[in-house]
N, C-alpha and C. Protein backbone atom coordinates (compact mmCIF):
# COMPACT_ATOMS: atom_id res chain seq x y z
N MET A 1 -3.35 -8.35 41.53
CA MET A 1 -4.56 -7.48 40.81
C MET A 1 -5.61 -6.44 41.37
N GLN A 2 -5.09 -6.57 42.53
CA GLN A 2 -5.66 -5.88 43.34
C GLN A 2 -5.39 -4.01 43.19
N LYS A 3 -3.72 -4.07 43.33
CA LYS A 3 -3.02 -2.82 43.21
C LYS A 3 -3.74 -2.43 41.28
N PHE A 4 -3.46 -3.28 40.27
CA PHE A 4 -3.72 -2.93 39.29
C PHE A 4 -5.13 -2.22 39.04
N LYS A 5 -6.21 -3.09 39.85
CA LYS A 5 -7.62 -2.35 39.51
C LYS A 5 -7.90 -0.85 40.39
N GLU A 6 -7.02 -0.95 41.31
CA GLU A 6 -6.63 0.74 42.01
C GLU A 6 -6.21 1.52 41.17
N ARG A 7 -5.10 1.14 40.47
CA ARG A 7 -4.37 2.27 39.68
C ARG A 7 -4.97 2.89 38.14
N TRP A 8 -6.42 1.71 37.73
CA TRP A 8 -7.02 2.74 36.48
C TRP A 8 -8.48 2.46 37.59
N GLU A 9 -8.24 2.54 38.36
CA GLU A 9 -9.77 2.90 39.08
C GLU A 9 -11.23 1.69 38.61
N ILE A 10 -10.43 0.58 38.61
CA ILE A 10 -11.40 -0.29 38.25
C ILE A 10 -12.07 -1.06 38.94
N LYS A 11 -13.70 -0.33 38.92
CA LYS A 11 -14.61 -1.11 40.14
C LYS A 11 -15.40 -2.76 40.25
N HIS A 12 -15.18 -2.62 38.33
CA HIS A 12 -16.32 -3.84 38.35
C HIS A 12 -15.60 -4.93 37.16
N ASN A 13 -15.07 -6.24 37.72
CA ASN A 13 -14.53 -7.19 36.58
C ASN A 13 -14.77 -7.04 35.26
N TRP A 14 -15.87 -6.77 34.65
CA TRP A 14 -16.00 -6.53 33.31
C TRP A 14 -14.63 -5.27 32.70
N GLN A 15 -14.76 -4.22 33.40
CA GLN A 15 -13.69 -3.14 32.99
C GLN A 15 -12.49 -3.51 33.24
N LEU A 16 -12.16 -5.10 32.91
CA LEU A 16 -10.72 -5.28 33.07
C LEU A 16 -10.42 -5.71 31.52
N LEU A 17 -11.74 -5.52 30.35
CA LEU A 17 -11.69 -5.79 29.35
C LEU A 17 -10.52 -4.92 28.88
N PHE A 18 -11.27 -3.32 28.86
CA PHE A 18 -10.12 -2.35 28.28
C PHE A 18 -8.95 -2.58 28.64
N PRO A 19 -8.08 -2.66 29.79
CA PRO A 19 -6.83 -2.77 29.50
C PRO A 19 -6.92 -4.06 28.99
N ILE A 20 -6.95 -5.19 28.88
CA ILE A 20 -6.99 -6.38 28.07
C ILE A 20 -6.57 -6.12 26.72
N LEU A 21 -8.05 -5.71 26.01
CA LEU A 21 -7.98 -4.84 24.58
C LEU A 21 -6.65 -3.74 24.05
N GLY A 22 -6.41 -3.05 25.40
CA GLY A 22 -5.49 -2.18 25.07
C GLY A 22 -4.04 -2.55 24.77
N ILE A 23 -3.74 -3.79 25.83
CA ILE A 23 -2.66 -4.54 25.33
C ILE A 23 -2.36 -5.45 24.33
N ALA A 24 -3.87 -5.83 24.07
CA ALA A 24 -3.65 -7.04 22.64
C ALA A 24 -3.67 -6.24 21.64
N SER A 25 -3.87 -4.89 21.48
CA SER A 25 -3.83 -3.48 20.25
C SER A 25 -2.57 -3.41 20.24
N LEU A 26 -2.15 -3.31 21.55
CA LEU A 26 -0.20 -2.80 21.47
C LEU A 26 0.37 -3.97 20.98
N LEU A 27 0.15 -5.44 21.06
CA LEU A 27 0.62 -6.12 20.72
C LEU A 27 0.85 -6.40 18.98
N PHE A 28 -0.77 -6.76 19.00
CA PHE A 28 -0.98 -6.49 17.45
C PHE A 28 -0.57 -5.34 16.81
N SER A 29 -0.06 -4.37 16.63
CA SER A 29 0.63 -3.38 16.00
C SER A 29 1.97 -3.54 15.99
N SER A 30 2.14 -3.94 16.72
CA SER A 30 4.03 -4.15 17.47
C SER A 30 4.32 -5.50 15.96
N TYR A 31 3.32 -6.70 16.12
CA TYR A 31 3.86 -7.48 15.45
C TYR A 31 3.31 -7.16 14.04
N LEU A 32 2.50 -6.49 13.36
CA LEU A 32 1.86 -5.83 12.06
C LEU A 32 3.46 -4.78 11.80
N ILE A 33 3.89 -4.34 12.42
CA ILE A 33 5.41 -3.02 11.91
C ILE A 33 6.36 -3.72 11.73
N SER A 34 6.37 -5.16 12.99
CA SER A 34 7.55 -5.84 12.87
C SER A 34 7.54 -6.65 11.94
N LYS A 35 6.54 -6.72 11.44
CA LYS A 35 6.60 -8.43 9.89
C LYS A 35 7.01 -7.03 9.13
N TYR A 36 6.22 -6.33 8.54
CA TYR A 36 6.35 -5.38 7.54
C TYR A 36 8.14 -4.68 7.64
N LEU A 37 8.49 -4.63 8.57
CA LEU A 37 9.91 -4.17 9.02
C LEU A 37 10.88 -5.55 8.28
N LEU A 38 10.85 -6.64 8.59
CA LEU A 38 11.68 -7.58 8.56
C LEU A 38 11.13 -7.99 6.99
N ASN A 39 10.36 -8.43 6.67
CA ASN A 39 9.75 -8.94 5.43
C ASN A 39 10.83 -7.90 4.17
N SER A 40 10.91 -6.83 4.27
CA SER A 40 11.80 -6.17 4.06
C SER A 40 12.81 -6.36 3.55
N ILE A 41 13.77 -6.84 4.69
CA ILE A 41 15.18 -7.15 4.92
C ILE A 41 15.28 -9.12 4.96
N TYR A 42 14.35 -9.74 5.17
CA TYR A 42 14.74 -11.14 5.46
C TYR A 42 13.66 -12.24 4.78
N GLN A 43 13.85 -13.27 4.29
CA GLN A 43 12.52 -14.66 3.81
C GLN A 43 12.37 -14.59 4.86
N PRO A 44 10.84 -14.95 5.06
CA PRO A 44 10.25 -15.44 6.24
C PRO A 44 10.12 -17.09 6.70
N VAL A 45 11.44 -17.50 5.57
CA VAL A 45 11.91 -19.15 6.47
C VAL A 45 12.73 -18.61 7.20
N ASP A 46 14.14 -17.72 7.08
CA ASP A 46 14.94 -17.73 7.75
C ASP A 46 14.83 -17.97 9.13
N SER A 47 15.97 -18.70 9.59
CA SER A 47 15.45 -18.91 11.12
C SER A 47 15.40 -18.01 12.14
N ILE A 48 16.49 -16.49 11.32
CA ILE A 48 16.64 -15.57 12.58
C ILE A 48 15.42 -14.68 12.25
N TYR A 49 14.51 -15.09 11.74
CA TYR A 49 13.45 -14.05 10.96
C TYR A 49 12.77 -14.11 12.40
N ILE A 50 12.60 -15.43 13.28
CA ILE A 50 11.61 -15.78 13.97
C ILE A 50 11.81 -15.13 15.27
N GLY A 51 13.29 -15.00 15.54
CA GLY A 51 14.24 -14.30 16.81
C GLY A 51 14.17 -12.61 16.64
N LEU A 52 13.90 -12.47 15.41
CA LEU A 52 14.41 -10.80 15.52
C LEU A 52 12.98 -10.33 15.23
N LEU A 53 11.77 -11.03 14.86
CA LEU A 53 10.32 -10.44 14.96
C LEU A 53 10.28 -10.53 16.23
N SER A 54 9.88 -11.38 17.19
CA SER A 54 9.93 -11.63 18.54
C SER A 54 10.24 -10.54 18.95
N ALA A 55 11.76 -10.12 19.04
CA ALA A 55 12.50 -9.22 19.58
C ALA A 55 11.91 -7.89 19.64
N ILE A 56 12.10 -7.40 18.13
CA ILE A 56 10.91 -6.39 17.15
C ILE A 56 9.13 -5.76 18.51
N ILE A 57 9.16 -7.12 18.01
CA ILE A 57 7.20 -6.90 18.75
C ILE A 57 7.41 -6.22 20.05
N LEU A 58 8.61 -7.12 21.38
CA LEU A 58 8.64 -6.97 22.79
C LEU A 58 8.75 -5.28 22.25
N PHE A 59 9.93 -5.05 22.43
CA PHE A 59 11.01 -3.43 21.57
C PHE A 59 9.83 -2.75 21.69
N LEU A 60 8.93 -2.89 20.45
CA LEU A 60 7.65 -1.80 19.80
C LEU A 60 6.85 -2.11 20.93
N THR A 61 6.19 -3.21 21.85
CA THR A 61 5.38 -3.18 22.52
C THR A 61 5.15 -2.30 23.42
N PHE A 62 6.75 -2.44 24.37
CA PHE A 62 7.43 -1.37 25.61
C PHE A 62 7.00 -0.26 24.96
N LEU A 63 7.75 0.40 23.78
CA LEU A 63 7.71 1.62 23.71
C LEU A 63 6.49 2.25 23.69
N PHE A 64 5.60 1.76 22.23
CA PHE A 64 3.93 1.81 22.78
C PHE A 64 3.24 2.01 23.61
N LEU A 65 3.84 1.20 25.00
CA LEU A 65 3.01 0.72 26.17
C LEU A 65 3.58 2.56 26.80
N PHE A 66 4.87 3.01 26.91
CA PHE A 66 5.48 3.54 27.73
C PHE A 66 4.92 5.27 27.09
N ILE A 67 4.67 5.47 25.62
CA ILE A 67 4.25 6.27 24.70
C ILE A 67 2.61 6.73 25.39
N THR A 68 1.94 5.65 25.39
CA THR A 68 0.78 5.07 26.00
C THR A 68 0.46 6.26 26.83
N LEU A 69 0.91 5.61 28.01
CA LEU A 69 1.24 5.94 29.48
C LEU A 69 1.44 7.34 29.37
N LYS A 70 2.34 7.63 29.00
CA LYS A 70 2.00 9.17 28.93
C LYS A 70 1.43 10.29 28.33
N LEU A 71 0.77 9.90 27.60
CA LEU A 71 0.10 10.60 26.86
C LEU A 71 -1.21 10.41 27.85
N PHE A 72 -2.04 8.78 28.41
CA PHE A 72 -2.59 9.22 28.99
C PHE A 72 -2.44 9.92 30.72
N SER A 73 -1.49 10.34 31.55
CA SER A 73 -0.92 11.23 31.88
C SER A 73 -1.32 12.78 31.84
N VAL A 74 -1.00 13.16 30.88
CA VAL A 74 -1.29 14.50 29.52
C VAL A 74 -3.11 14.97 29.57
N LEU A 75 -3.80 13.43 29.20
CA LEU A 75 -4.88 13.55 28.39
C LEU A 75 -5.80 13.42 29.75
N GLU A 76 -5.54 12.54 30.86
CA GLU A 76 -6.56 12.30 31.68
C GLU A 76 -7.31 13.55 32.52
N THR A 77 -6.31 14.89 32.39
CA THR A 77 -6.84 15.80 33.33
C THR A 77 -7.43 17.06 32.01
N LYS A 78 -6.94 16.89 30.85
CA LYS A 78 -7.20 17.32 29.82
C LYS A 78 -8.47 16.61 28.92
N TRP A 79 -8.94 15.68 28.98
CA TRP A 79 -10.49 14.85 28.75
C TRP A 79 -11.14 14.88 30.17
N ASN A 80 -11.03 15.10 31.14
CA ASN A 80 -11.68 15.13 32.03
C ASN A 80 -12.67 13.91 32.56
N VAL A 81 -12.42 12.73 32.15
CA VAL A 81 -12.85 11.31 32.34
C VAL A 81 -12.93 11.18 33.73
N SER A 82 -13.76 10.27 34.04
CA SER A 82 -14.31 10.01 35.25
C SER A 82 -13.41 8.89 35.80
N TYR A 83 -12.93 7.96 35.13
CA TYR A 83 -12.34 7.04 35.78
C TYR A 83 -11.07 6.60 34.36
N ARG A 84 -10.14 6.36 35.35
CA ARG A 84 -8.99 6.37 33.93
C ARG A 84 -8.75 5.06 33.38
N TRP A 85 -9.60 4.03 33.51
CA TRP A 85 -9.84 2.77 32.49
C TRP A 85 -10.67 3.30 31.41
N GLU A 86 -11.10 4.10 31.48
CA GLU A 86 -11.85 5.34 30.04
C GLU A 86 -10.79 5.41 29.41
N LEU A 87 -9.65 6.35 29.62
CA LEU A 87 -8.62 6.69 28.61
C LEU A 87 -8.53 5.45 27.72
N ILE A 88 -8.36 4.76 28.31
CA ILE A 88 -8.34 2.81 27.55
C ILE A 88 -9.26 3.01 26.59
N ALA A 89 -10.45 2.76 26.91
CA ALA A 89 -11.56 2.92 25.93
C ALA A 89 -11.79 3.75 24.92
N ILE A 90 -11.72 5.19 25.19
CA ILE A 90 -11.84 5.98 24.43
C ILE A 90 -10.24 5.70 22.93
N PHE A 91 -9.02 5.59 23.66
CA PHE A 91 -8.03 5.40 22.87
C PHE A 91 -8.30 4.30 21.79
N ILE A 92 -8.79 3.11 22.20
CA ILE A 92 -9.12 2.08 21.24
C ILE A 92 -10.61 2.24 19.91
N VAL A 93 -11.24 3.51 20.73
CA VAL A 93 -12.78 4.42 20.09
C VAL A 93 -12.14 4.51 18.62
N PHE A 94 -10.73 5.74 19.31
CA PHE A 94 -9.85 6.61 18.08
C PHE A 94 -9.34 5.47 17.18
N ALA A 95 -8.30 3.92 17.55
CA ALA A 95 -8.00 3.26 16.83
C ALA A 95 -9.53 2.32 16.11
N ILE A 96 -9.92 1.89 16.10
CA ILE A 96 -10.86 1.05 15.56
C ILE A 96 -11.68 1.83 14.60
N THR A 97 -11.81 3.04 15.06
CA THR A 97 -13.19 4.24 14.06
C THR A 97 -11.22 4.92 13.22
N GLY A 98 -10.43 4.87 13.07
CA GLY A 98 -9.92 5.51 12.22
C GLY A 98 -9.40 4.55 11.02
N SER A 99 -9.06 3.28 11.50
CA SER A 99 -8.70 2.04 10.42
C SER A 99 -10.12 1.36 9.76
N THR A 100 -11.26 1.60 10.52
CA THR A 100 -12.72 1.49 9.75
C THR A 100 -12.99 2.11 8.78
N ALA A 101 -12.97 3.53 9.05
CA ALA A 101 -13.11 4.63 8.18
C ALA A 101 -12.34 5.10 7.31
N ALA A 102 -10.93 4.74 7.38
CA ALA A 102 -9.91 4.42 5.71
C ALA A 102 -10.18 3.08 4.80
N ARG A 103 -10.47 1.89 5.29
CA ARG A 103 -11.03 1.07 5.33
C ARG A 103 -12.28 1.04 3.87
N ILE A 104 -13.33 1.79 4.46
CA ILE A 104 -14.39 1.66 3.99
C ILE A 104 -14.30 2.82 2.62
N SER A 105 -13.72 3.48 3.16
CA SER A 105 -13.24 4.66 1.82
C SER A 105 -12.43 3.88 0.72
N ASP A 106 -11.85 3.01 0.24
CA ASP A 106 -11.56 2.16 -0.96
C ASP A 106 -12.76 1.55 -1.10
N PRO A 107 -13.42 1.31 -0.76
CA PRO A 107 -14.40 0.43 -1.99
C PRO A 107 -14.88 1.12 -2.60
N ILE A 108 -15.44 2.42 -1.89
CA ILE A 108 -16.53 3.38 -2.04
C ILE A 108 -15.51 4.12 -3.24
N LEU A 109 -13.90 4.45 -3.38
CA LEU A 109 -13.67 5.42 -4.05
C LEU A 109 -13.73 3.81 -5.62
N SER A 110 -13.20 2.83 -5.14
CA SER A 110 -13.41 2.37 -6.65
C SER A 110 -14.98 2.04 -6.95
N ILE A 111 -16.00 2.03 -6.74
CA ILE A 111 -17.13 2.28 -7.13
C ILE A 111 -17.16 3.62 -7.97
N LEU A 112 -16.69 4.83 -7.36
CA LEU A 112 -16.86 5.71 -8.53
C LEU A 112 -15.62 5.69 -9.52
N GLY A 113 -14.71 4.78 -9.47
CA GLY A 113 -13.75 4.79 -10.60
C GLY A 113 -12.41 5.26 -10.63
N LEU A 114 -12.21 5.63 -9.11
CA LEU A 114 -10.97 6.22 -8.50
C LEU A 114 -10.16 5.09 -8.03
N HIS A 115 -9.03 5.17 -8.77
CA HIS A 115 -7.72 4.39 -8.14
C HIS A 115 -6.64 5.10 -7.73
N LYS A 116 -5.44 4.94 -6.68
CA LYS A 116 -4.33 5.57 -6.42
C LYS A 116 -3.23 5.52 -7.17
N GLY A 117 -3.07 4.93 -8.16
CA GLY A 117 -2.59 4.81 -9.19
C GLY A 117 -2.46 5.99 -10.39
N ILE A 118 -3.80 5.35 -11.02
CA ILE A 118 -4.30 6.35 -12.35
C ILE A 118 -4.86 8.12 -11.98
N ASN A 119 -5.33 8.03 -10.79
CA ASN A 119 -5.70 9.76 -10.68
C ASN A 119 -5.31 9.96 -9.38
N SER A 120 -4.03 10.02 -9.05
CA SER A 120 -3.59 10.72 -7.48
C SER A 120 -3.92 11.90 -6.96
N TRP A 121 -4.03 12.88 -8.02
CA TRP A 121 -4.17 14.49 -7.56
C TRP A 121 -6.04 14.29 -7.58
N ILE A 122 -7.08 13.51 -8.26
CA ILE A 122 -8.15 13.56 -7.61
C ILE A 122 -8.06 12.41 -6.31
N TYR A 123 -7.27 11.74 -6.65
CA TYR A 123 -8.08 10.58 -5.76
C TYR A 123 -7.95 10.79 -4.11
N TRP A 124 -6.88 11.54 -3.80
CA TRP A 124 -6.68 11.92 -2.45
C TRP A 124 -7.33 12.42 -1.67
N PRO A 125 -7.10 14.10 -2.49
CA PRO A 125 -8.56 14.83 -2.04
C PRO A 125 -9.67 14.20 -1.83
N ILE A 126 -10.14 13.57 -2.83
CA ILE A 126 -11.67 12.72 -2.52
C ILE A 126 -11.54 12.21 -1.21
N ARG A 127 -10.70 11.36 -1.67
CA ARG A 127 -10.45 9.93 -0.12
C ARG A 127 -11.05 10.60 1.26
N ILE A 128 -10.29 11.73 1.17
CA ILE A 128 -9.87 12.59 2.59
C ILE A 128 -11.22 13.65 2.44
N LEU A 129 -11.85 13.85 1.83
CA LEU A 129 -12.87 14.25 2.17
C LEU A 129 -14.24 13.47 2.61
N LEU A 130 -13.70 12.15 1.72
CA LEU A 130 -15.06 11.17 1.62
C LEU A 130 -14.83 10.41 3.30
N ILE A 131 -13.25 10.39 3.69
CA ILE A 131 -13.15 9.93 5.37
C ILE A 131 -13.99 10.74 6.61
N PHE A 132 -13.50 11.83 5.71
CA PHE A 132 -14.09 12.85 7.05
C PHE A 132 -15.45 12.65 7.85
N PRO A 133 -16.25 12.74 7.15
CA PRO A 133 -17.44 12.50 7.66
C PRO A 133 -18.07 11.12 8.05
N ILE A 134 -17.58 9.74 7.18
CA ILE A 134 -17.22 8.71 7.89
C ILE A 134 -16.84 8.65 9.01
N TYR A 135 -15.84 8.89 9.38
CA TYR A 135 -14.68 8.83 10.55
C TYR A 135 -16.11 9.61 11.55
N GLN A 136 -16.48 10.65 11.40
CA GLN A 136 -17.63 11.38 12.30
C GLN A 136 -18.62 10.74 12.73
N VAL A 137 -18.84 9.93 11.92
CA VAL A 137 -20.33 9.17 12.54
C VAL A 137 -19.87 8.02 12.89
N LEU A 138 -18.88 7.15 12.65
CA LEU A 138 -18.11 6.24 12.91
C LEU A 138 -17.72 6.40 14.25
N LEU A 139 -17.39 7.48 14.56
CA LEU A 139 -16.53 7.92 15.68
C LEU A 139 -17.76 7.88 17.30
N LEU A 140 -18.79 8.71 16.69
CA LEU A 140 -19.99 8.37 17.58
C LEU A 140 -20.62 6.68 17.37
N ILE A 141 -20.80 5.90 16.84
CA ILE A 141 -21.04 4.46 16.88
C ILE A 141 -20.21 4.08 17.93
N VAL A 142 -18.79 3.86 17.21
CA VAL A 142 -18.10 2.89 18.17
C VAL A 142 -18.04 3.46 18.93
N GLY A 143 -17.89 4.49 19.56
CA GLY A 143 -17.88 5.65 21.14
C GLY A 143 -19.22 4.78 21.97
N TRP A 144 -20.61 4.85 21.33
CA TRP A 144 -21.75 4.09 22.15
C TRP A 144 -21.13 3.24 22.22
N ILE A 145 -20.59 2.00 21.56
CA ILE A 145 -20.49 0.62 21.56
C ILE A 145 -19.98 -0.10 22.58
N PHE A 146 -18.81 1.14 22.94
CA PHE A 146 -17.68 1.14 24.21
C PHE A 146 -18.01 1.77 25.34
N GLY A 147 -19.12 2.54 25.25
CA GLY A 147 -19.83 2.87 26.60
C GLY A 147 -19.61 4.86 26.82
N GLN A 148 -18.72 5.19 25.90
CA GLN A 148 -18.17 6.62 25.89
C GLN A 148 -18.89 7.71 24.45
N PHE A 149 -20.13 6.94 24.70
CA PHE A 149 -20.72 8.36 23.74
C PHE A 149 -20.86 9.46 24.56
N LYS A 150 -20.83 9.89 25.23
CA LYS A 150 -21.09 11.82 25.79
C LYS A 150 -19.81 12.01 25.65
N PHE A 151 -18.99 11.49 25.82
CA PHE A 151 -17.54 11.99 25.71
C PHE A 151 -17.43 12.43 24.37
N PHE A 152 -17.74 11.26 23.10
CA PHE A 152 -17.09 11.74 21.87
C PHE A 152 -18.42 12.78 21.04
N TRP A 153 -19.62 12.62 21.95
CA TRP A 153 -20.51 13.57 21.57
C TRP A 153 -20.35 15.34 21.33
N ASN A 154 -19.67 15.06 23.00
CA ASN A 154 -18.68 16.79 23.35
C ASN A 154 -17.70 17.01 22.62
N PHE A 155 -16.87 15.60 22.29
CA PHE A 155 -15.61 15.94 21.20
C PHE A 155 -15.89 16.34 19.85
N GLU A 156 -17.26 15.47 19.67
CA GLU A 156 -17.92 16.14 17.87
C GLU A 156 -18.46 17.59 17.94
N LYS A 157 -19.08 18.02 19.52
CA LYS A 157 -19.80 19.24 19.05
C LYS A 157 -18.38 20.39 19.05
N LYS A 158 -17.26 20.25 19.80
CA LYS A 158 -16.58 20.93 20.17
C LYS A 158 -15.34 21.27 18.58
N MET A 159 -15.14 20.15 18.19
CA MET A 159 -14.64 20.50 16.55
C MET A 159 -15.44 20.78 16.01
N LEU A 160 -16.83 20.57 15.58
CA LEU A 160 -17.37 21.32 15.07
C LEU A 160 -17.65 22.66 15.09
N ARG A 161 -18.05 23.18 16.37
CA ARG A 161 -18.16 24.65 16.99
C ARG A 161 -16.64 25.27 15.88
N ARG A 162 -15.02 24.26 16.55
CA ARG A 162 -14.24 25.09 15.52
C ARG A 162 -14.21 25.36 14.77
N MET A 163 -14.52 24.25 13.18
CA MET A 163 -15.12 24.60 12.17
C MET A 163 -15.97 25.03 11.68
N GLY A 164 -16.07 25.95 12.79
CA GLY A 164 -17.42 26.88 11.74
C GLY A 164 -18.94 26.93 11.88
N PHE A 165 -19.05 25.31 12.40
CA PHE A 165 -20.70 24.84 12.51
C PHE A 165 -21.32 24.89 13.61
N ALA A 166 -21.28 26.07 14.12
CA ALA A 166 -21.89 25.80 15.76
C ALA A 166 -23.25 26.32 15.64
N ARG A 167 -23.74 26.83 14.14
CA ARG A 167 -25.17 27.45 14.47
C ARG A 167 -26.33 25.90 13.86
N PHE A 168 -25.09 24.46 13.79
CA PHE A 168 -26.09 23.70 13.71
C PHE A 168 -26.20 22.63 14.54
N LEU A 169 -25.56 22.69 15.91
CA LEU A 169 -25.49 22.69 16.99
C LEU A 169 -26.73 22.82 18.01
N LYS A 170 -27.59 22.27 19.05
CA LYS A 170 -27.74 22.92 19.48
C LYS A 170 -27.73 22.00 21.11
N ASP A 171 -27.75 22.98 22.45
CA ASP A 171 -26.99 22.54 23.20
C ASP A 171 -28.43 22.40 24.25
C-alpha cells in the first residue's frame, strides 16, 4: 500500500478516496457498456450471459485503465498539477459534469416541447447550446466539491479567452 501511496503522491488517507472512486468508475462504465453489448446478442437469462458479461467487464476495465494511465502520463505535465492523485479527481469531475449536463438538458428540452424524434433539426442544436452553459457552471461547482476549483477556474478562463470572451474576464 505504501508503494501505491508513493506512486500517486498520496500524503493523507482521505486522498485514497480518489483512486477508489476512479476504479469504481471504470468498473461501472465497463459494466454498462458490457451489458449494452450483450443485451443485443443474448437474453439476460442465458447461463453464458453472466460469464460473457464478467469477461467483457474485466477486459474493458483493464483497457480503460491502460488508456487512462497513458493519458495521465501525458496530461500530468501539461496540466501542471501538484500531486498525481489530483489527475484522478480532475477526470472524475469531467465525467460527473458531462453526464450531469446531458441529463439536465433533457427535462429542460421536454419543458420547451422539443423531443428527439419530432424536431431533430431543431432539437440537437438547441440541446448543444443548452448543455454548454450548464456544463461550464457545473464544471466549477463539481470541481469545487472535489477540491479542484482553482484548476477548473483557470481551465474555464483559458477556454473563454480562446472563444473570444477575454474582455469579460478579470485576472
